[in-house]
Amino acid sequence: MEMNMLIPLLILSAGVAFRMGWFLNSRSGQNRVLSATAKAEKIIADATKEADTIKREKLLEVKDEWYKKKKDYDAEIQQKRSKLQAEEKSLDEREENIDRKVELLGKKERDVQNMRRTNEETMKRNEERKKELDALITEENFRLERLAGISRDEAKRVLIENLANEARTDAAHILKEIRDKARDEAKREAQKLIVHALQRTAADHSVETTVSVLNIQSDEMKGRIIGREGRNIRAFEAATGVDVIVDDTPEAVILSGFDPFRREVARVSLERLIADGRIHPARIEEVVEKVRTELEEDIIKTGENTFLELGLPIGHKEITKLVGRMKYRSSYGQNMLQHSIEVAYLAGTMASELSLEAGLAKRAGLLHDVGKCVDRSVEGPHALLGLDITKKFNEHPLVVNAVGAHHDDIPMESPIAALVQAADAISGARPGARRESVEGYVKRLEKLESFAQSFQGVAKTYAIQAGREIRVVVEQEKIDDAQADQLAHDIAAKIQQEMEYPGQIKVTVIREFRSVAFAK
């Protein structure tokens, strides 16, 4: 367009120039006209030539621009065509998926309709059967009324009264069981508290752990032990805190006391007095004091040797002394020092198996009952007393926690505490670890058998393995295999709830069927 406008302008300007030249020439003369004409022609020629050149250049530029835009347009068209093809493909896939879903929905709808028809038919059949059953029940009720001679309302009233009486009876039985159980649990808790208190003072109930028998050469020595008007025996009892029993037992003197340490002081002192032969109040006080000092030193040495035996660093002097005192303490007839050493070994072994600190586990096991050895004037559970003691003398925090948590008085903070608790239970529950009187043992076995005998269908019961297993023989007509399994669980649950026993008790239910025939 620019080229087309430029050419007319050039021609117009040439024409204007020509006319001006002509006008001038006409005025200035013929020469000037000719000169102007020549110039005008030259200008027109140059302008035409320049216009052609510019036209060609502009045509080339326009052509290049057209090719460039065409190329861009073709690329854009191709991109849009590819995109449209991809969208068409995606739409085709979606359409196929929709067709499949529509087909699946149609199939499900047909299935639902079939199920609906089936359910409707089933409901109709159920309604018909219900009507038939109602008719049968009504007919049966009429027949029962005729046979019983009472109406339906009267039968309901009698049934309700019977059910009410039965419910009252059951409620009374349940209330009685609840009261008995509460009374038994209260008694058990009271006994438990008493046992803990006795453990703190090392006062065991069996005769074997409350007396020491001292053999003497002749009964003449009994008179010297008693002294004139009993002054020697009174001085000895006052100095030792132990009762001296001089009776008709030949060549024997009995020392009675709940504190094993005092009883040991009295035994050693009396042996030295008899060997020395000088028995009088002043000499008695001197010997008793000397023996007590020696035993106090022996207690510390025992504690140190115990730490060394377990391969542990010796603790604070007070803790070492308390460990040594365990030698003269007992719990349920089990020596506390041997029990603590056993717990230490067990805990250390289990800790090694679990890749834990075996040294800390051993130390916690050794010190777990250290609270039982403190002075009896200090009150509180022995686990918490042991926690205070170990914390006071800067034991490791894990050891302190294990000592305080081995009876669940405080939360456990490490696996070592759980290992110490388990080792304590193992050491106390193993066979032969703790003693009980023959009378208590027999009563426990009788109670165990009576518990199993109280269930219906039980024919015979046998407590074996020192009360660690109860075998129950049931009547095969009344108890089947499934009921036998449930019976074993019920007996075990009752024993666990209502009995106190060391370790665990295995319940074995035996159901036997015998068939006998004779060949003649």
Protein backbone atom coordinates (compact mmCIF):
# COMPACT_ATOMS: atom_id res chain seq x y z
CA MET A 1 0.00 0.00 0.00
CA GLU A 2 2.87 2.36 0.78
CA MET A 3 4.39 1.69 -2.62
CA ASN A 4 1.08 2.28 -4.39
CA MET A 5 0.65 5.62 -2.62
CA LEU A 6 4.26 6.66 -3.21
CA ILE A 7 4.13 6.32 -6.95
CA PRO A 8 1.13 8.66 -7.46
CA LEU A 9 2.68 11.15 -5.12
CA LEU A 10 5.86 11.13 -7.13
CA ILE A 11 3.92 11.50 -10.34
CA LEU A 12 1.85 14.28 -8.84
CA SER A 13 4.95 16.08 -7.64
CA ALA A 14 6.55 15.67 -11.04
CA GLY A 15 3.46 17.09 -12.67
CA VAL A 16 3.43 20.01 -10.31
CA ALA A 17 7.07 20.62 -11.00
CA PHE A 18 6.41 20.35 -14.68
CA ARG A 19 3.67 22.89 -14.57
CA MET A 20 5.73 25.22 -12.46
CA GLY A 21 8.59 24.87 -14.95
CA TRP A 22 6.26 25.52 -17.78
CA PHE A 23 4.88 28.50 -16.03
CA LEU A 24 8.35 29.81 -15.29
CA ASN A 25 9.54 29.05 -18.72
CA SER A 26 6.62 30.81 -20.16
CA ARG A 27 7.61 33.77 -18.16
CA SER A 28 11.36 33.53 -18.18
CA GLY A 29 11.83 32.33 -21.62
CA GLN A 30 12.08 29.48 -23.89
CA ASN A 31 15.45 28.30 -22.58
CA ARG A 32 14.28 28.04 -19.14
CA VAL A 33 11.27 26.10 -20.28
CA LEU A 34 13.45 23.63 -22.03
CA SER A 35 15.80 23.37 -19.08
CA ALA A 36 12.97 22.88 -16.65
CA THR A 37 11.42 20.36 -18.94
CA ALA A 38 14.63 18.42 -19.09
CA LYS A 39 15.03 18.57 -15.34
CA ALA A 40 11.47 17.55 -14.84
CA GLU A 41 11.89 14.60 -17.10
CA LYS A 42 15.06 13.63 -15.27
CA ILE A 43 13.35 13.98 -11.93
CA ILE A 44 10.45 11.91 -13.17
CA ALA A 45 12.83 9.24 -14.45
CA ASP A 46 14.78 9.18 -11.21
CA ALA A 47 11.59 9.13 -9.20
CA THR A 48 10.22 6.29 -11.30
CA LYS A 49 13.46 4.35 -10.94
CA GLU A 50 13.57 4.95 -7.17
CA ALA A 51 9.92 4.05 -6.89
CA ASP A 52 10.56 0.76 -8.68
CA THR A 53 13.48 -0.01 -6.38
CA ILE A 54 11.46 0.78 -3.27
CA LYS A 55 8.55 -1.22 -4.61
CA ARG A 56 10.77 -4.29 -5.14
CA GLU A 57 12.28 -3.96 -1.64
CA LYS A 58 8.87 -3.60 -0.03
CA LEU A 59 7.53 -6.51 -2.01
CA LEU A 60 10.43 -8.67 -0.77
CA GLU A 61 9.84 -7.59 2.85
CA VAL A 62 6.13 -8.24 2.56
CA LYS A 63 6.85 -11.63 1.01
CA ASP A 64 9.29 -12.57 3.81
CA GLU A 65 6.82 -11.43 6.45
CA TRP A 66 4.08 -13.41 4.74
CA TYR A 67 6.21 -16.57 4.66
CA LYS A 68 7.16 -16.13 8.33
CA LYS A 69 3.56 -15.63 9.44
CA LYS A 70 2.48 -18.56 7.30
CA LYS A 71 5.10 -20.76 8.96
CA ASP A 72 3.98 -19.66 12.44
CA TYR A 73 0.38 -20.19 11.47
CA ASP A 74 1.12 -23.67 10.12
CA ALA A 75 2.99 -24.58 13.35
CA GLU A 76 0.14 -23.29 15.49
CA ILE A 77 -2.38 -25.16 13.37
CA GLN A 78 -0.32 -28.34 13.70
CA GLN A 79 -0.08 -27.94 17.50
CA LYS A 80 -3.80 -27.38 17.78
CA ARG A 81 -4.44 -30.34 15.51
CA SER A 82 -2.25 -32.57 17.76
CA LYS A 83 -4.01 -31.32 20.84
CA LEU A 84 -7.39 -31.92 19.25
CA GLN A 85 -6.33 -35.44 18.29
CA ALA A 86 -5.20 -36.16 21.89
CA GLU A 87 -8.46 -34.79 23.24
CA GLU A 88 -10.41 -36.84 20.75
CA LYS A 89 -8.51 -39.95 21.84
CA SER A 90 -9.16 -39.16 25.52
CA LEU A 91 -12.83 -38.56 24.79
CA ASP A 92 -13.01 -41.86 22.94
CA GLU A 93 -11.50 -43.65 25.96
CA ARG A 94 -13.87 -41.89 28.33
CA GLU A 95 -16.76 -42.77 26.13
CA GLU A 96 -15.68 -46.42 26.18
CA ASN A 97 -15.36 -46.30 30.01
CA ILE A 98 -18.77 -44.68 30.30
CA ASP A 99 -20.23 -47.36 28.06
CA ARG A 100 -18.70 -50.08 30.23
CA LYS A 101 -19.93 -48.39 33.41
CA VAL A 102 -23.38 -47.99 31.95
CA GLU A 103 -23.36 -51.66 31.05
CA LEU A 104 -22.14 -52.57 34.56
CA LEU A 105 -24.74 -50.34 36.18
CA GLY A 106 -27.39 -51.91 34.03
CA LYS A 107 -26.24 -55.36 35.12
CA LYS A 108 -26.23 -54.32 38.77
CA GLU A 109 -29.63 -52.77 38.40
CA ARG A 110 -30.93 -56.02 36.96
CA ASP A 111 -29.30 -57.91 39.86
CA VAL A 112 -30.87 -55.52 42.36
CA GLN A 113 -34.25 -55.95 40.75
CA ASN A 114 -33.84 -59.73 40.87
CA MET A 115 -32.82 -59.54 44.53
CA ARG A 116 -35.74 -57.25 45.27
CA ARG A 117 -38.13 -59.69 43.66
CA THR A 118 -36.50 -62.55 45.60
CA ASN A 119 -36.75 -60.60 48.87
CA GLU A 120 -40.36 -59.75 48.20
CA GLU A 121 -41.14 -63.38 47.54
CA THR A 122 -39.23 -64.40 50.70
CA MET A 123 -41.10 -61.79 52.75
CA LYS A 124 -44.39 -63.03 51.38
CA ARG A 125 -43.47 -66.60 52.28
CA ASN A 126 -42.33 -65.46 55.75
CA GLU A 127 -45.57 -63.60 56.29
CA GLU A 128 -47.53 -66.67 55.26
CA ARG A 129 -45.47 -68.84 57.59
CA LYS A 130 -45.90 -66.28 60.37
CA LYS A 131 -49.64 -66.41 59.91
CA GLU A 132 -49.53 -70.19 59.99
CA LEU A 133 -47.35 -70.09 63.15
CA ASP A 134 -49.66 -67.57 64.80
CA ALA A 135 -52.60 -69.83 64.01
CA LEU A 136 -50.72 -72.84 65.40
CA ILE A 137 -49.72 -70.91 68.54
CA THR A 138 -53.29 -69.74 69.07
CA GLU A 139 -54.59 -73.27 68.61
CA GLU A 140 -51.87 -74.62 70.95
CA ASN A 141 -52.71 -71.99 73.57
CA PHE A 142 -56.38 -72.99 73.46
CA ARG A 143 -55.41 -76.62 73.81
CA LEU A 144 -53.10 -75.84 76.76
CA GLU A 145 -55.83 -73.76 78.43
CA ARG A 146 -58.22 -76.70 78.13
CA LEU A 147 -55.65 -79.14 79.47
CA ALA A 148 -54.48 -76.87 82.34
CA GLY A 149 -57.95 -75.69 83.25
CA ILE A 150 -56.79 -72.05 83.58
CA SER A 151 -57.00 -69.09 81.26
CA ARG A 152 -54.11 -67.37 79.52
CA ASP A 153 -54.19 -64.38 81.88
CA GLU A 154 -54.07 -66.64 84.93
CA ALA A 155 -51.13 -68.57 83.43
CA LYS A 156 -49.29 -65.30 82.79
CA ARG A 157 -49.89 -64.18 86.36
CA VAL A 158 -48.61 -67.48 87.79
CA LEU A 159 -45.58 -67.39 85.50
CA ILE A 160 -44.78 -63.79 86.48
CA GLU A 161 -45.07 -64.64 90.17
CA ASN A 162 -42.76 -67.62 89.77
CA LEU A 163 -40.24 -65.56 87.81
CA ALA A 164 -40.37 -62.81 90.43
CA ASN A 165 -39.76 -65.30 93.25
CA GLU A 166 -36.92 -66.91 91.32
CA ALA A 167 -35.40 -63.49 90.59
CA ARG A 168 -35.59 -62.51 94.27
CA THR A 169 -33.91 -65.79 95.22
CA ASP A 170 -31.16 -65.29 92.64
CA ALA A 171 -30.67 -61.71 93.79
CA ALA A 172 -30.34 -62.87 97.37
CA HIS A 173 -27.72 -65.43 96.34
CA ILE A 174 -25.83 -62.82 94.35
CA LEU A 175 -25.89 -60.35 97.24
CA LYS A 176 -24.65 -63.05 99.60
CA GLU A 177 -21.81 -63.89 97.21
CA ILE A 178 -20.91 -60.22 96.91
CA ARG A 179 -20.86 -59.79 100.68
CA ASP A 180 -18.80 -62.96 101.17
CA LYS A 181 -16.39 -61.91 98.46
CA ALA A 182 -16.01 -58.43 99.95
CA ARG A 183 -15.40 -59.95 103.39
CA ASP A 184 -12.81 -62.39 101.99
CA GLU A 185 -11.05 -59.65 100.04
CA ALA A 186 -10.96 -57.39 103.09
CA LYS A 187 -9.49 -60.25 105.13
CA ARG A 188 -6.94 -60.98 102.41
CA GLU A 189 -5.86 -57.33 102.19
CA ALA A 190 -5.56 -57.14 105.97
CA GLN A 191 -3.41 -60.26 106.02
CA LYS A 192 -1.29 -58.81 103.24
CA LEU A 193 -0.64 -55.61 105.19
CA ILE A 194 0.21 -57.60 108.32
CA VAL A 195 2.65 -59.79 106.39
CA HIS A 196 4.38 -56.70 104.98
CA ALA A 197 4.71 -55.23 108.45
CA LEU A 198 6.15 -58.49 109.80
CA GLN A 199 8.62 -58.62 106.94
CA ARG A 200 9.89 -55.17 107.92
CA THR A 201 10.75 -56.43 111.40
CA ALA A 202 11.96 -59.85 110.21
CA ALA A 203 9.30 -61.51 112.37
CA ASP A 204 8.51 -64.81 110.69
CA HIS A 205 5.88 -67.14 112.08
CA SER A 206 7.66 -70.47 111.78
CA VAL A 207 9.55 -71.78 114.79
CA GLU A 208 12.61 -72.62 112.69
CA THR A 209 13.33 -68.93 112.05
CA THR A 210 12.53 -67.51 115.50
CA VAL A 211 14.68 -69.67 117.75
CA SER A 212 18.27 -70.82 117.94
CA VAL A 213 19.32 -73.92 119.85
CA LEU A 214 22.68 -73.83 121.61
CA ASN A 215 24.18 -77.17 122.62
CA ILE A 216 26.04 -77.32 125.94
CA GLN A 217 28.30 -80.01 127.38
CA SER A 218 26.33 -80.72 130.54
CA ASP A 219 23.19 -79.67 132.31
CA GLU A 220 25.29 -78.23 135.14
CA MET A 221 26.10 -75.28 132.87
CA LYS A 222 22.39 -74.33 132.89
CA GLY A 223 22.65 -73.32 136.55
CA ARG A 224 25.63 -71.10 135.85
CA ILE A 225 23.79 -69.49 132.93
CA ILE A 226 20.80 -68.74 135.18
CA GLY A 227 23.02 -67.47 138.02
CA ARG A 228 22.15 -66.73 141.58
CA GLU A 229 18.47 -65.84 141.77
CA GLY A 230 18.49 -65.53 137.96
CA ARG A 231 20.73 -62.45 137.77
CA ASN A 232 22.92 -63.82 134.96
CA ILE A 233 20.03 -64.73 132.69
CA ARG A 234 18.31 -61.39 133.35
CA ALA A 235 21.51 -59.48 132.54
CA PHE A 236 21.98 -61.55 129.38
CA GLU A 237 18.42 -60.97 128.18
CA ALA A 238 18.67 -57.24 128.91
CA ALA A 239 21.97 -56.93 127.02
CA THR A 240 20.92 -58.94 123.97
CA GLY A 241 17.15 -58.37 123.76
CA VAL A 242 16.65 -62.13 123.32
CA ASP A 243 14.66 -64.52 125.51
CA VAL A 244 16.71 -67.39 126.99
CA ILE A 245 14.70 -70.56 127.59
CA VAL A 246 16.33 -73.05 129.97
CA ASP A 247 14.02 -76.05 130.27
CA ASP A 248 14.25 -79.81 130.62
CA THR A 249 15.70 -80.26 127.15
CA PRO A 250 18.92 -82.19 127.74
CA GLU A 251 22.16 -80.38 126.96
CA ALA A 252 20.42 -77.55 125.11
CA VAL A 253 19.54 -73.90 125.70
CA ILE A 254 17.00 -72.16 123.46
CA LEU A 255 17.41 -68.54 122.35
CA SER A 256 14.14 -67.01 121.14
CA GLY A 257 13.76 -63.71 119.29
CA PHE A 258 12.27 -62.28 116.11
CA ASP A 259 15.44 -60.35 115.16
CA PRO A 260 17.97 -62.79 113.62
CA PHE A 261 20.85 -60.35 114.21
CA ARG A 262 20.15 -60.08 117.92
CA ARG A 263 19.70 -63.83 118.11
CA GLU A 264 23.08 -64.35 116.43
CA VAL A 265 24.72 -61.90 118.85
CA ALA A 266 23.18 -63.82 121.74
CA ARG A 267 24.28 -67.20 120.37
CA VAL A 268 27.91 -66.19 119.79
CA SER A 269 28.08 -64.36 123.13
CA LEU A 270 26.70 -67.32 125.06
CA GLU A 271 29.13 -69.69 123.34
CA ARG A 272 32.07 -67.48 124.35
CA LEU A 273 30.80 -67.12 127.92
CA ILE A 274 30.46 -70.90 128.26
CA ALA A 275 33.91 -71.46 126.78
CA ASP A 276 35.44 -68.81 129.05
CA GLY A 277 33.63 -70.05 132.14
CA ARG A 278 33.32 -66.57 133.70
CA ILE A 279 29.60 -65.83 133.67
CA HIS A 280 28.48 -62.75 135.61
CA PRO A 281 26.63 -59.54 134.67
CA ALA A 282 29.70 -57.37 134.05
CA ARG A 283 31.36 -60.04 131.92
CA ILE A 284 28.12 -60.64 130.05
CA GLU A 285 27.79 -56.97 129.07
CA GLU A 286 31.43 -56.83 127.98
CA VAL A 287 31.22 -59.96 125.81
CA VAL A 288 27.87 -58.98 124.26
CA GLU A 289 29.15 -55.53 123.31
CA LYS A 290 32.32 -56.99 121.81
CA VAL A 291 30.37 -59.60 119.79
CA ARG A 292 27.93 -56.95 118.56
CA THR A 293 30.85 -54.80 117.33
CA GLU A 294 32.44 -57.77 115.58
CA LEU A 295 29.18 -58.71 113.89
CA GLU A 296 28.64 -55.11 112.78
CA GLU A 297 32.06 -55.24 111.12
CA ASP A 298 31.17 -58.65 109.68
CA ILE A 299 28.01 -57.12 108.22
CA ILE A 300 30.05 -54.52 106.31
CA LYS A 301 32.49 -57.19 105.11
CA THR A 302 29.56 -59.35 103.98
CA GLY A 303 28.14 -56.42 102.02
CA GLU A 304 31.50 -55.69 100.38
CA ASN A 305 32.06 -59.36 99.53
CA THR A 306 28.57 -59.51 97.99
CA PHE A 307 29.34 -56.58 95.68
CA LEU A 308 32.66 -58.18 94.73
CA GLU A 309 31.02 -61.58 94.17
CA LEU A 310 28.62 -60.00 91.66
CA GLY A 311 31.42 -58.02 89.99
CA LEU A 312 29.93 -54.66 90.99
CA PRO A 313 31.60 -51.54 92.37
CA ILE A 314 31.22 -51.29 96.16
CA GLY A 315 28.54 -48.77 97.01
CA HIS A 316 28.25 -46.21 99.77
CA LYS A 317 29.11 -47.45 103.25
CA GLU A 318 25.49 -47.23 104.44
CA ILE A 319 24.20 -49.17 101.41
CA THR A 320 26.96 -51.76 101.88
CA LYS A 321 25.92 -52.09 105.51
CA LEU A 322 22.27 -52.59 104.56
CA VAL A 323 23.25 -55.27 102.03
CA GLY A 324 25.20 -57.05 104.76
CA ARG A 325 22.20 -56.87 107.10
CA MET A 326 20.24 -58.93 104.59
CA LYS A 327 22.22 -61.93 105.81
CA TYR A 328 20.22 -61.77 109.05
CA ARG A 329 16.85 -61.10 107.44
CA SER A 330 14.31 -63.49 105.94
CA SER A 331 11.05 -63.26 104.01
CA TYR A 332 8.66 -66.22 103.99
CA GLY A 333 11.55 -68.31 105.29
CA GLN A 334 13.80 -67.25 102.38
CA ASN A 335 17.10 -65.61 103.30
CA MET A 336 17.03 -62.08 101.90
CA LEU A 337 20.72 -61.93 100.98
CA GLN A 338 20.59 -65.16 99.01
CA HIS A 339 17.31 -64.00 97.45
CA SER A 340 18.82 -60.65 96.43
CA ILE A 341 21.93 -62.30 94.97
CA GLU A 342 19.70 -64.68 93.02
CA VAL A 343 17.60 -61.78 91.72
CA ALA A 344 20.78 -59.93 90.71
CA TYR A 345 22.06 -62.90 88.72
CA LEU A 346 18.67 -63.45 87.07
CA ALA A 347 18.23 -59.79 86.14
CA GLY A 348 21.80 -59.52 84.86
CA THR A 349 21.41 -62.65 82.73
CA MET A 350 18.14 -61.43 81.19
CA ALA A 351 19.60 -57.97 80.59
CA SER A 352 22.57 -59.52 78.75
CA GLU A 353 20.20 -61.52 76.57
CA LEU A 354 18.35 -58.30 75.70
CA SER A 355 21.57 -56.29 75.12
CA LEU A 356 20.88 -54.01 78.08
CA GLU A 357 23.17 -52.77 80.85
CA ALA A 358 23.84 -56.01 82.76
CA GLY A 359 25.75 -54.17 85.50
CA LEU A 360 22.85 -51.83 86.24
CA ALA A 361 20.41 -54.75 86.20
CA LYS A 362 22.56 -56.71 88.68
CA ARG A 363 22.91 -53.70 90.96
CA ALA A 364 19.16 -53.02 90.88
CA GLY A 365 18.46 -56.69 91.60
CA LEU A 366 20.81 -56.72 94.57
CA LEU A 367 19.36 -53.53 96.08
CA HIS A 368 15.67 -54.11 95.27
CA ASP A 369 14.79 -55.21 98.86
CA VAL A 370 17.21 -52.92 100.68
CA GLY A 371 14.23 -51.03 102.11
CA LYS A 372 13.36 -54.06 104.29
CA CYS A 373 16.59 -53.61 106.25
CA VAL A 374 16.02 -50.06 107.51
CA ASP A 375 15.05 -49.34 111.08
CA ARG A 376 11.53 -50.46 111.93
CA SER A 377 10.64 -46.98 113.20
CA VAL A 378 10.61 -45.67 109.61
CA GLU A 379 7.17 -46.19 108.04
CA GLY A 380 6.27 -46.85 104.44
CA PRO A 381 6.43 -49.58 101.77
CA HIS A 382 9.87 -51.16 101.54
CA ALA A 383 10.10 -50.41 97.77
CA LEU A 384 9.67 -46.66 98.35
CA LEU A 385 12.04 -46.76 101.33
CA GLY A 386 14.60 -48.46 99.11
CA LEU A 387 14.02 -45.76 96.47
CA ASP A 388 14.72 -43.01 99.02
CA ILE A 389 17.87 -44.76 100.26
CA THR A 390 19.38 -45.42 96.83
CA LYS A 391 18.51 -41.91 95.69
CA LYS A 392 20.05 -40.41 98.82
CA PHE A 393 23.37 -42.19 98.23
CA ASN A 394 23.56 -41.27 94.52
CA GLU A 395 22.85 -44.59 92.87
CA HIS A 396 22.17 -44.58 89.12
CA PRO A 397 18.66 -43.20 88.26
CA LEU A 398 17.73 -46.47 86.50
CA VAL A 399 18.70 -48.42 89.62
CA VAL A 400 16.67 -46.04 91.81
CA ASN A 401 13.60 -46.43 89.59
CA ALA A 402 13.92 -50.22 89.43
CA VAL A 403 14.13 -50.44 93.25
CA GLY A 404 11.04 -48.27 93.70
CA ALA A 405 8.99 -49.87 90.91
CA HIS A 406 9.53 -53.59 91.54
CA HIS A 407 6.15 -53.73 93.36
CA ASP A 408 4.45 -51.18 91.02
CA ASP A 409 4.54 -48.41 93.65
CA ILE A 410 5.85 -46.01 90.99
CA PRO A 411 5.80 -46.19 87.16
CA MET A 412 8.65 -48.06 85.45
CA GLU A 413 11.00 -45.91 83.40
CA SER A 414 13.19 -48.58 81.76
CA PRO A 415 13.18 -52.27 80.78
CA ILE A 416 15.62 -52.90 83.65
CA ALA A 417 12.82 -52.22 86.16
CA ALA A 418 10.62 -54.84 84.48
CA LEU A 419 13.51 -57.34 84.51
CA VAL A 420 14.08 -56.81 88.24
CA GLN A 421 10.38 -57.32 88.93
CA ALA A 422 10.34 -60.51 86.88
CA ALA A 423 13.52 -61.81 88.54
CA ASP A 424 12.06 -61.09 91.99
CA ALA A 425 8.92 -63.09 91.11
CA ILE A 426 11.00 -65.97 89.70
CA SER A 427 13.24 -66.17 92.75
CA GLY A 428 10.31 -66.08 95.18
CA ALA A 429 8.08 -68.49 93.26
CA ARG A 430 10.53 -71.24 92.33
CA PRO A 431 9.97 -74.57 94.14
CA GLY A 432 11.70 -74.72 97.51
CA ALA A 433 12.45 -71.00 97.66
CA ARG A 434 10.01 -70.21 100.45
CA ARG A 435 8.79 -72.35 103.29
CA GLU A 436 5.32 -72.77 104.69
CA SER A 437 4.08 -74.81 107.61
CA VAL A 438 2.76 -78.32 107.06
CA GLU A 439 -0.66 -77.28 108.33
CA GLY A 440 -0.84 -74.34 105.89
CA TYR A 441 0.36 -76.56 103.04
CA VAL A 442 -2.34 -79.17 103.71
CA LYS A 443 -5.04 -76.52 104.00
CA ARG A 444 -3.97 -74.99 100.69
CA LEU A 445 -4.22 -78.36 98.91
CA GLU A 446 -7.61 -79.08 100.48
CA LYS A 447 -8.88 -75.65 99.46
CA LEU A 448 -7.58 -76.17 95.94
CA GLU A 449 -9.43 -79.48 95.60
CA SER A 450 -12.63 -78.07 97.12
CA PHE A 451 -12.64 -75.20 94.61
CA ALA A 452 -12.51 -77.62 91.69
CA GLN A 453 -15.07 -79.95 93.33
CA SER A 454 -17.61 -77.10 93.64
CA PHE A 455 -18.35 -77.10 89.89
CA GLN A 456 -21.17 -79.22 88.48
CA GLY A 457 -20.17 -82.36 86.61
CA VAL A 458 -16.91 -82.80 88.53
CA ALA A 459 -16.42 -86.37 89.77
CA LYS A 460 -12.98 -86.32 91.43
CA THR A 461 -10.14 -83.85 92.00
CA TYR A 462 -6.47 -84.48 92.69
CA ALA A 463 -3.91 -81.82 93.74
CA ILE A 464 -0.44 -82.95 92.65
CA GLN A 465 3.10 -81.58 92.33
CA ALA A 466 2.97 -79.83 95.71
CA GLY A 467 -0.18 -77.96 94.71
CA ARG A 468 1.17 -76.66 91.42
CA GLU A 469 -1.28 -78.74 89.37
CA ILE A 470 -4.91 -79.77 89.92
CA ARG A 471 -6.35 -82.63 87.87
CA VAL A 472 -10.14 -82.72 87.53
CA VAL A 473 -12.00 -85.84 86.42
CA VAL A 474 -15.49 -85.01 85.08
CA GLU A 475 -18.57 -87.13 84.39
CA GLN A 476 -18.62 -87.70 80.65
CA GLU A 477 -22.44 -87.84 80.54
CA LYS A 478 -22.77 -84.31 81.95
CA ILE A 479 -19.72 -82.58 80.44
CA ASP A 480 -18.82 -82.66 76.76
CA ASP A 481 -15.49 -81.67 75.19
CA ALA A 482 -16.42 -78.02 74.69
CA GLN A 483 -17.73 -77.72 78.23
CA ALA A 484 -14.57 -79.39 79.55
CA ASP A 485 -12.45 -76.66 77.99
CA GLN A 486 -14.66 -73.95 79.47
CA LEU A 487 -14.63 -75.74 82.84
CA ALA A 488 -10.82 -75.62 82.93
CA HIS A 489 -10.89 -71.85 82.34
CA ASP A 490 -13.62 -71.32 84.97
CA ILE A 491 -11.73 -73.32 87.62
CA ALA A 492 -8.49 -71.46 86.85
CA ALA A 493 -10.30 -68.11 87.09
CA LYS A 494 -11.84 -69.03 90.45
CA ILE A 495 -8.50 -70.20 91.85
CA GLN A 496 -6.80 -67.03 90.64
CA GLN A 497 -9.45 -64.81 92.22
CA GLU A 498 -9.92 -66.57 95.55
CA MET A 499 -6.57 -68.16 96.46
CA GLU A 500 -3.08 -66.94 97.30
CA TYR A 501 -0.30 -69.22 96.12
CA PRO A 502 3.30 -69.00 94.88
CA GLY A 503 3.99 -69.33 91.16
CA GLN A 504 1.19 -70.72 89.02
CA ILE A 505 -1.29 -73.62 89.16
CA LYS A 506 -2.03 -75.78 86.12
CA VAL A 507 -5.65 -76.96 85.74
CA THR A 508 -6.11 -80.19 83.77
CA VAL A 509 -9.66 -81.41 83.04
CA ILE A 510 -9.92 -85.11 82.14
CA ARG A 511 -12.99 -86.46 80.35
CA GLU A 512 -12.95 -90.21 79.79
CA PHE A 513 -15.42 -92.56 78.12
CA ARG A 514 -15.08 -96.29 78.65
CA SER A 515 -16.95 -99.00 76.80
CA VAL A 516 -16.76 -102.56 78.14
CA ALA A 517 -17.91 -105.77 76.44
CA PHE A 518 -17.38 -109.43 77.24
CA ALA A 519 -16.67 -112.21 74.75
CA LYS A 520 -18.19 -115.53 75.85
